[in-house]
Amino acid sequence: MRDNVLCRKKAHIVMLLAKAMHISDEQALGYFYSTKTFKQLNDPKYGLQLMSDEYLLEDIQKELSLR
């Protein structure tokens, strides 16, 4: 069950990222997978699963802008 919820959360974040960056969902997915935030989201010890999608989107955008 939890895996299902996390999968939907990731999908929603990718859609938000695509909209915010004015890119396709596929491009957003590539950016998303390359972030430290994505890696931490998959590890329960960081607790990012409890954060809002919008908060995580902000983190991802900051991370991408630093590149």
PDB file of N, CA and C in Angstrom:
ATOM      1  N   MET A   1       0.829  -1.204   0.000  1.00  0.00           N
ATOM      2  CA  MET A   1       0.000   0.000   0.000  1.00  0.00           C
ATOM      3  C   MET A   1       0.867   1.259   0.000  1.00  0.00           C
ATOM      4  N   ARG A   2       1.850   1.295   0.913  1.00  0.00           N
ATOM      5  CA  ARG A   2       2.689   2.485   0.994  1.00  0.00           C
ATOM      6  C   ARG A   2       3.441   2.739  -0.309  1.00  0.00           C
ATOM      7  N   ASP A   3       3.863   1.658  -0.975  1.00  0.00           N
ATOM      8  CA  ASP A   3       4.566   1.818  -2.240  1.00  0.00           C
ATOM      9  C   ASP A   3       3.674   2.479  -3.280  1.00  0.00           C
ATOM     10  N   ASN A   4       2.390   2.127  -3.248  1.00  0.00           N
ATOM     11  CA  ASN A   4       1.430   2.719  -4.168  1.00  0.00           C
ATOM     12  C   ASN A   4       1.282   4.222  -3.935  1.00  0.00           C
ATOM     13  N   VAL A   5       1.210   4.603  -2.687  1.00  0.00           N
ATOM     14  CA  VAL A   5       1.061   6.015  -2.335  1.00  0.00           C
ATOM     15  C   VAL A   5       2.312   6.784  -2.745  1.00  0.00           C
ATOM     16  N   LEU A   6       3.480   6.222  -2.492  1.00  0.00           N
ATOM     17  CA  LEU A   6       4.731   6.886  -2.858  1.00  0.00           C
ATOM     18  C   LEU A   6       4.856   7.007  -4.377  1.00  0.00           C
ATOM     19  N   CYS A   7       4.415   5.995  -5.080  1.00  0.00           N
ATOM     20  CA  CYS A   7       4.454   6.040  -6.545  1.00  0.00           C
ATOM     21  C   CYS A   7       3.569   7.169  -7.074  1.00  0.00           C
ATOM     22  N   ARG A   8       2.393   7.319  -6.524  1.00  0.00           N
ATOM     23  CA  ARG A   8       1.499   8.409  -6.944  1.00  0.00           C
ATOM     24  C   ARG A   8       2.087   9.764  -6.572  1.00  0.00           C
ATOM     25  N   LYS A   9       2.738   9.850  -5.415  1.00  0.00           N
ATOM     26  CA  LYS A   9       3.369  11.099  -4.986  1.00  0.00           C
ATOM     27  C   LYS A   9       4.451  11.506  -5.983  1.00  0.00           C
ATOM     28  N   LYS A  10       5.274  10.555  -6.377  1.00  0.00           N
ATOM     29  CA  LYS A  10       6.339  10.834  -7.343  1.00  0.00           C
ATOM     30  C   LYS A  10       5.741  11.302  -8.672  1.00  0.00           C
ATOM     31  N   ALA A  11       4.703  10.626  -9.127  1.00  0.00           N
ATOM     32  CA  ALA A  11       4.067  11.001 -10.389  1.00  0.00           C
ATOM     33  C   ALA A  11       3.515  12.420 -10.320  1.00  0.00           C
ATOM     34  N   HIS A  12       2.914  12.772  -9.196  1.00  0.00           N
ATOM     35  CA  HIS A  12       2.360  14.119  -9.039  1.00  0.00           C
ATOM     36  C   HIS A  12       3.479  15.164  -9.041  1.00  0.00           C
ATOM     37  N   ILE A  13       4.571  14.859  -8.391  1.00  0.00           N
ATOM     38  CA  ILE A  13       5.704  15.787  -8.357  1.00  0.00           C
ATOM     39  C   ILE A  13       6.262  15.987  -9.765  1.00  0.00           C
ATOM     40  N   VAL A  14       6.363  14.919 -10.536  1.00  0.00           N
ATOM     41  CA  VAL A  14       6.856  15.026 -11.917  1.00  0.00           C
ATOM     42  C   VAL A  14       5.927  15.902 -12.744  1.00  0.00           C
ATOM     43  N   MET A  15       4.635  15.726 -12.582  1.00  0.00           N
ATOM     44  CA  MET A  15       3.676  16.559 -13.318  1.00  0.00           C
ATOM     45  C   MET A  15       3.791  18.024 -12.907  1.00  0.00           C
ATOM     46  N   LEU A  16       3.963  18.278 -11.616  1.00  0.00           N
ATOM     47  CA  LEU A  16       4.148  19.657 -11.146  1.00  0.00           C
ATOM     48  C   LEU A  16       5.429  20.261 -11.710  1.00  0.00           C
ATOM     49  N   LEU A  17       6.489  19.465 -11.736  1.00  0.00           N
ATOM     50  CA  LEU A  17       7.779  19.934 -12.255  1.00  0.00           C
ATOM     51  C   LEU A  17       7.667  20.261 -13.747  1.00  0.00           C
ATOM     52  N   ALA A  18       7.002  19.397 -14.495  1.00  0.00           N
ATOM     53  CA  ALA A  18       6.817  19.639 -15.929  1.00  0.00           C
ATOM     54  C   ALA A  18       6.060  20.938 -16.162  1.00  0.00           C
ATOM     55  N   LYS A  19       5.016  21.141 -15.398  1.00  0.00           N
ATOM     56  CA  LYS A  19       4.220  22.365 -15.547  1.00  0.00           C
ATOM     57  C   LYS A  19       5.039  23.604 -15.167  1.00  0.00           C
ATOM     58  N   ALA A  20       5.783  23.510 -14.063  1.00  0.00           N
ATOM     59  CA  ALA A  20       6.563  24.652 -13.585  1.00  0.00           C
ATOM     60  C   ALA A  20       7.693  25.021 -14.557  1.00  0.00           C
ATOM     61  N   MET A  21       8.279  23.996 -15.193  1.00  0.00           N
ATOM     62  CA  MET A  21       9.406  24.233 -16.096  1.00  0.00           C
ATOM     63  C   MET A  21       8.975  24.357 -17.559  1.00  0.00           C
ATOM     64  N   HIS A  22       7.674  24.174 -17.822  1.00  0.00           N
ATOM     65  CA  HIS A  22       7.143  24.242 -19.183  1.00  0.00           C
ATOM     66  C   HIS A  22       7.853  23.243 -20.100  1.00  0.00           C
ATOM     67  N   ILE A  23       7.944  22.001 -19.626  1.00  0.00           N
ATOM     68  CA  ILE A  23       8.570  20.921 -20.388  1.00  0.00           C
ATOM     69  C   ILE A  23       7.635  19.714 -20.386  1.00  0.00           C
ATOM     70  N   SER A  24       7.989  18.700 -21.139  1.00  0.00           N
ATOM     71  CA  SER A  24       7.157  17.497 -21.192  1.00  0.00           C
ATOM     72  C   SER A  24       7.320  16.684 -19.903  1.00  0.00           C
ATOM     73  N   ASP A  25       6.356  15.820 -19.667  1.00  0.00           N
ATOM     74  CA  ASP A  25       6.441  14.940 -18.500  1.00  0.00           C
ATOM     75  C   ASP A  25       7.679  14.056 -18.570  1.00  0.00           C
ATOM     76  N   GLU A  26       8.025  13.606 -19.774  1.00  0.00           N
ATOM     77  CA  GLU A  26       9.197  12.743 -19.949  1.00  0.00           C
ATOM     78  C   GLU A  26      10.485  13.477 -19.583  1.00  0.00           C
ATOM     79  N   GLN A  27      10.594  14.737 -19.989  1.00  0.00           N
ATOM     80  CA  GLN A  27      11.781  15.521 -19.638  1.00  0.00           C
ATOM     81  C   GLN A  27      11.823  15.757 -18.134  1.00  0.00           C
ATOM     82  N   ALA A  28      10.682  16.067 -17.554  1.00  0.00           N
ATOM     83  CA  ALA A  28      10.621  16.298 -16.110  1.00  0.00           C
ATOM     84  C   ALA A  28      11.015  15.046 -15.345  1.00  0.00           C
ATOM     85  N   LEU A  29      10.610  13.894 -15.856  1.00  0.00           N
ATOM     86  CA  LEU A  29      10.963  12.628 -15.219  1.00  0.00           C
ATOM     87  C   LEU A  29      12.479  12.442 -15.206  1.00  0.00           C
ATOM     88  N   GLY A  30      13.123  12.772 -16.304  1.00  0.00           N
ATOM     89  CA  GLY A  30      14.585  12.696 -16.374  1.00  0.00           C
ATOM     90  C   GLY A  30      15.256  13.606 -15.361  1.00  0.00           C
ATOM     91  N   TYR A  31      14.779  14.830 -15.254  1.00  0.00           N
ATOM     92  CA  TYR A  31      15.330  15.755 -14.268  1.00  0.00           C
ATOM     93  C   TYR A  31      15.088  15.232 -12.851  1.00  0.00           C
ATOM     94  N   PHE A  32      13.868  14.782 -12.599  1.00  0.00           N
ATOM     95  CA  PHE A  32      13.487  14.293 -11.281  1.00  0.00           C
ATOM     96  C   PHE A  32      14.373  13.140 -10.835  1.00  0.00           C
ATOM     97  N   TYR A  33      14.589  12.171 -11.734  1.00  0.00           N
ATOM     98  CA  TYR A  33      15.412  11.005 -11.394  1.00  0.00           C
ATOM     99  C   TYR A  33      16.864  11.372 -11.106  1.00  0.00           C
ATOM    100  N   SER A  34      17.313  12.495 -11.612  1.00  0.00           N
ATOM    101  CA  SER A  34      18.717  12.884 -11.435  1.00  0.00           C
ATOM    102  C   SER A  34      18.977  13.670 -10.147  1.00  0.00           C
ATOM    103  N   THR A  35      17.937  13.926  -9.358  1.00  0.00           N
ATOM    104  CA  THR A  35      18.112  14.771  -8.177  1.00  0.00           C
ATOM    105  C   THR A  35      18.392  13.976  -6.906  1.00  0.00           C
ATOM    106  N   LYS A  36      19.053  14.659  -5.994  1.00  0.00           N
ATOM    107  CA  LYS A  36      19.291  14.092  -4.668  1.00  0.00           C
ATOM    108  C   LYS A  36      17.968  13.935  -3.928  1.00  0.00           C
ATOM    109  N   THR A  37      17.055  14.835  -4.163  1.00  0.00           N
ATOM    110  CA  THR A  37      15.729  14.770  -3.527  1.00  0.00           C
ATOM    111  C   THR A  37      15.034  13.464  -3.885  1.00  0.00           C
ATOM    112  N   PHE A  38      15.112  13.037  -5.147  1.00  0.00           N
ATOM    113  CA  PHE A  38      14.514  11.774  -5.562  1.00  0.00           C
ATOM    114  C   PHE A  38      15.124  10.609  -4.796  1.00  0.00           C
ATOM    115  N   LYS A  39      16.433  10.598  -4.699  1.00  0.00           N
ATOM    116  CA  LYS A  39      17.106   9.508  -3.985  1.00  0.00           C
ATOM    117  C   LYS A  39      16.684   9.473  -2.513  1.00  0.00           C
ATOM    118  N   GLN A  40      16.590  10.646  -1.909  1.00  0.00           N
ATOM    119  CA  GLN A  40      16.190  10.707  -0.501  1.00  0.00           C
ATOM    120  C   GLN A  40      14.715  10.368  -0.312  1.00  0.00           C
ATOM    121  N   LEU A  41      13.901  10.669  -1.289  1.00  0.00           N
ATOM    122  CA  LEU A  41      12.479  10.350  -1.220  1.00  0.00           C
ATOM    123  C   LEU A  41      12.266   8.839  -1.151  1.00  0.00           C
ATOM    124  N   ASN A  42      13.164   8.090  -1.748  1.00  0.00           N
ATOM    125  CA  ASN A  42      13.067   6.632  -1.742  1.00  0.00           C
ATOM    126  C   ASN A  42      13.583   6.000  -0.454  1.00  0.00           C
ATOM    127  N   ASP A  43      14.223   6.786   0.392  1.00  0.00           N
ATOM    128  CA  ASP A  43      14.786   6.277   1.643  1.00  0.00           C
ATOM    129  C   ASP A  43      13.984   6.822   2.819  1.00  0.00           C
ATOM    130  N   PRO A  44      13.264   5.963   3.539  1.00  0.00           N
ATOM    131  CA  PRO A  44      12.392   6.423   4.632  1.00  0.00           C
ATOM    132  C   PRO A  44      13.125   7.153   5.762  1.00  0.00           C
ATOM    133  N   LYS A  45      14.428   6.949   5.891  1.00  0.00           N
ATOM    134  CA  LYS A  45      15.139   7.592   7.006  1.00  0.00           C
ATOM    135  C   LYS A  45      15.166   9.121   6.889  1.00  0.00           C
ATOM    136  N   TYR A  46      14.956   9.650   5.675  1.00  0.00           N
ATOM    137  CA  TYR A  46      14.945  11.102   5.491  1.00  0.00           C
ATOM    138  C   TYR A  46      13.588  11.729   5.776  1.00  0.00           C
ATOM    139  N   GLY A  47      12.535  10.947   5.717  1.00  0.00           N
ATOM    140  CA  GLY A  47      11.199  11.446   6.030  1.00  0.00           C
ATOM    141  C   GLY A  47      10.572  12.335   4.971  1.00  0.00           C
ATOM    142  N   LEU A  48      11.136  12.353   3.773  1.00  0.00           N
ATOM    143  CA  LEU A  48      10.587  13.226   2.738  1.00  0.00           C
ATOM    144  C   LEU A  48       9.209  12.770   2.265  1.00  0.00           C
ATOM    145  N   GLN A  49       8.872  11.526   2.502  1.00  0.00           N
ATOM    146  CA  GLN A  49       7.553  11.028   2.110  1.00  0.00           C
ATOM    147  C   GLN A  49       6.440  11.783   2.828  1.00  0.00           C
ATOM    148  N   LEU A  50       6.775  12.389   3.944  1.00  0.00           N
ATOM    149  CA  LEU A  50       5.784  13.114   4.744  1.00  0.00           C
ATOM    150  C   LEU A  50       5.627  14.569   4.320  1.00  0.00           C
ATOM    151  N   MET A  51       6.531  15.055   3.481  1.00  0.00           N
ATOM    152  CA  MET A  51       6.491  16.446   3.043  1.00  0.00           C
ATOM    153  C   MET A  51       5.488  16.620   1.910  1.00  0.00           C
ATOM    154  N   SER A  52       4.983  17.822   1.774  1.00  0.00           N
ATOM    155  CA  SER A  52       4.017  18.088   0.708  1.00  0.00           C
ATOM    156  C   SER A  52       4.717  18.042  -0.650  1.00  0.00           C
ATOM    157  N   ASP A  53       3.939  17.769  -1.673  1.00  0.00           N
ATOM    158  CA  ASP A  53       4.483  17.720  -3.035  1.00  0.00           C
ATOM    159  C   ASP A  53       5.052  19.073  -3.442  1.00  0.00           C
ATOM    160  N   GLU A  54       4.385  20.143  -3.038  1.00  0.00           N
ATOM    161  CA  GLU A  54       4.839  21.492  -3.370  1.00  0.00           C
ATOM    162  C   GLU A  54       6.181  21.808  -2.699  1.00  0.00           C
ATOM    163  N   TYR A  55       6.344  21.367  -1.461  1.00  0.00           N
ATOM    164  CA  TYR A  55       7.608  21.571  -0.750  1.00  0.00           C
ATOM    165  C   TYR A  55       8.731  20.828  -1.471  1.00  0.00           C
ATOM    166  N   LEU A  56       8.469  19.590  -1.855  1.00  0.00           N
ATOM    167  CA  LEU A  56       9.473  18.801  -2.558  1.00  0.00           C
ATOM    168  C   LEU A  56       9.784  19.399  -3.928  1.00  0.00           C
ATOM    169  N   LEU A  57       8.769  19.940  -4.592  1.00  0.00           N
ATOM    170  CA  LEU A  57       8.985  20.612  -5.872  1.00  0.00           C
ATOM    171  C   LEU A  57       9.949  21.783  -5.701  1.00  0.00           C
ATOM    172  N   GLU A  58       9.757  22.565  -4.663  1.00  0.00           N
ATOM    173  CA  GLU A  58      10.664  23.690  -4.402  1.00  0.00           C
ATOM    174  C   GLU A  58      12.091  23.204  -4.198  1.00  0.00           C
ATOM    175  N   ASP A  59      12.256  22.131  -3.436  1.00  0.00           N
ATOM    176  CA  ASP A  59      13.590  21.566  -3.221  1.00  0.00           C
ATOM    177  C   ASP A  59      14.228  21.131  -4.538  1.00  0.00           C
ATOM    178  N   ILE A  60      13.447  20.476  -5.368  1.00  0.00           N
ATOM    179  CA  ILE A  60      13.959  20.001  -6.655  1.00  0.00           C
ATOM    180  C   ILE A  60      14.333  21.172  -7.548  1.00  0.00           C
ATOM    181  N   GLN A  61      13.500  22.210  -7.572  1.00  0.00           N
ATOM    182  CA  GLN A  61      13.818  23.378  -8.396  1.00  0.00           C
ATOM    183  C   GLN A  61      15.087  24.073  -7.916  1.00  0.00           C
ATOM    184  N   LYS A  62      15.258  24.173  -6.606  1.00  0.00           N
ATOM    185  CA  LYS A  62      16.494  24.776  -6.073  1.00  0.00           C
ATOM    186  C   LYS A  62      17.699  23.939  -6.452  1.00  0.00           C
ATOM    187  N   GLU A  63      17.541  22.630  -6.303  1.00  0.00           N
ATOM    188  CA  GLU A  63      18.646  21.724  -6.636  1.00  0.00           C
ATOM    189  C   GLU A  63      19.018  21.834  -8.117  1.00  0.00           C
ATOM    190  N   LEU A  64      18.040  21.895  -8.990  1.00  0.00           N
ATOM    191  CA  LEU A  64      18.308  21.995 -10.424  1.00  0.00           C
ATOM    192  C   LEU A  64      18.913  23.342 -10.805  1.00  0.00           C
ATOM    193  N   SER A  65      18.550  24.386 -10.096  1.00  0.00           N
ATOM    194  CA  SER A  65      19.096  25.716 -10.417  1.00  0.00           C
ATOM    195  C   SER A  65      20.550  25.859  -9.991  1.00  0.00           C
ATOM    196  N   LEU A  66      21.005  25.010  -9.089  1.00  0.00           N
ATOM    197  CA  LEU A  66      22.393  25.066  -8.616  1.00  0.00           C
ATOM    198  C   LEU A  66      23.350  24.360  -9.562  1.00  0.00           C
ATOM    199  N   ARG A  67      22.825  23.667 -10.532  1.00  0.00           N
ATOM    200  CA  ARG A  67      23.691  22.924 -11.470  1.00  0.00           C
ATOM    201  C   ARG A  67      24.320  23.819 -12.482  1.00  0.00           C
TER     202      ARG A  67
END
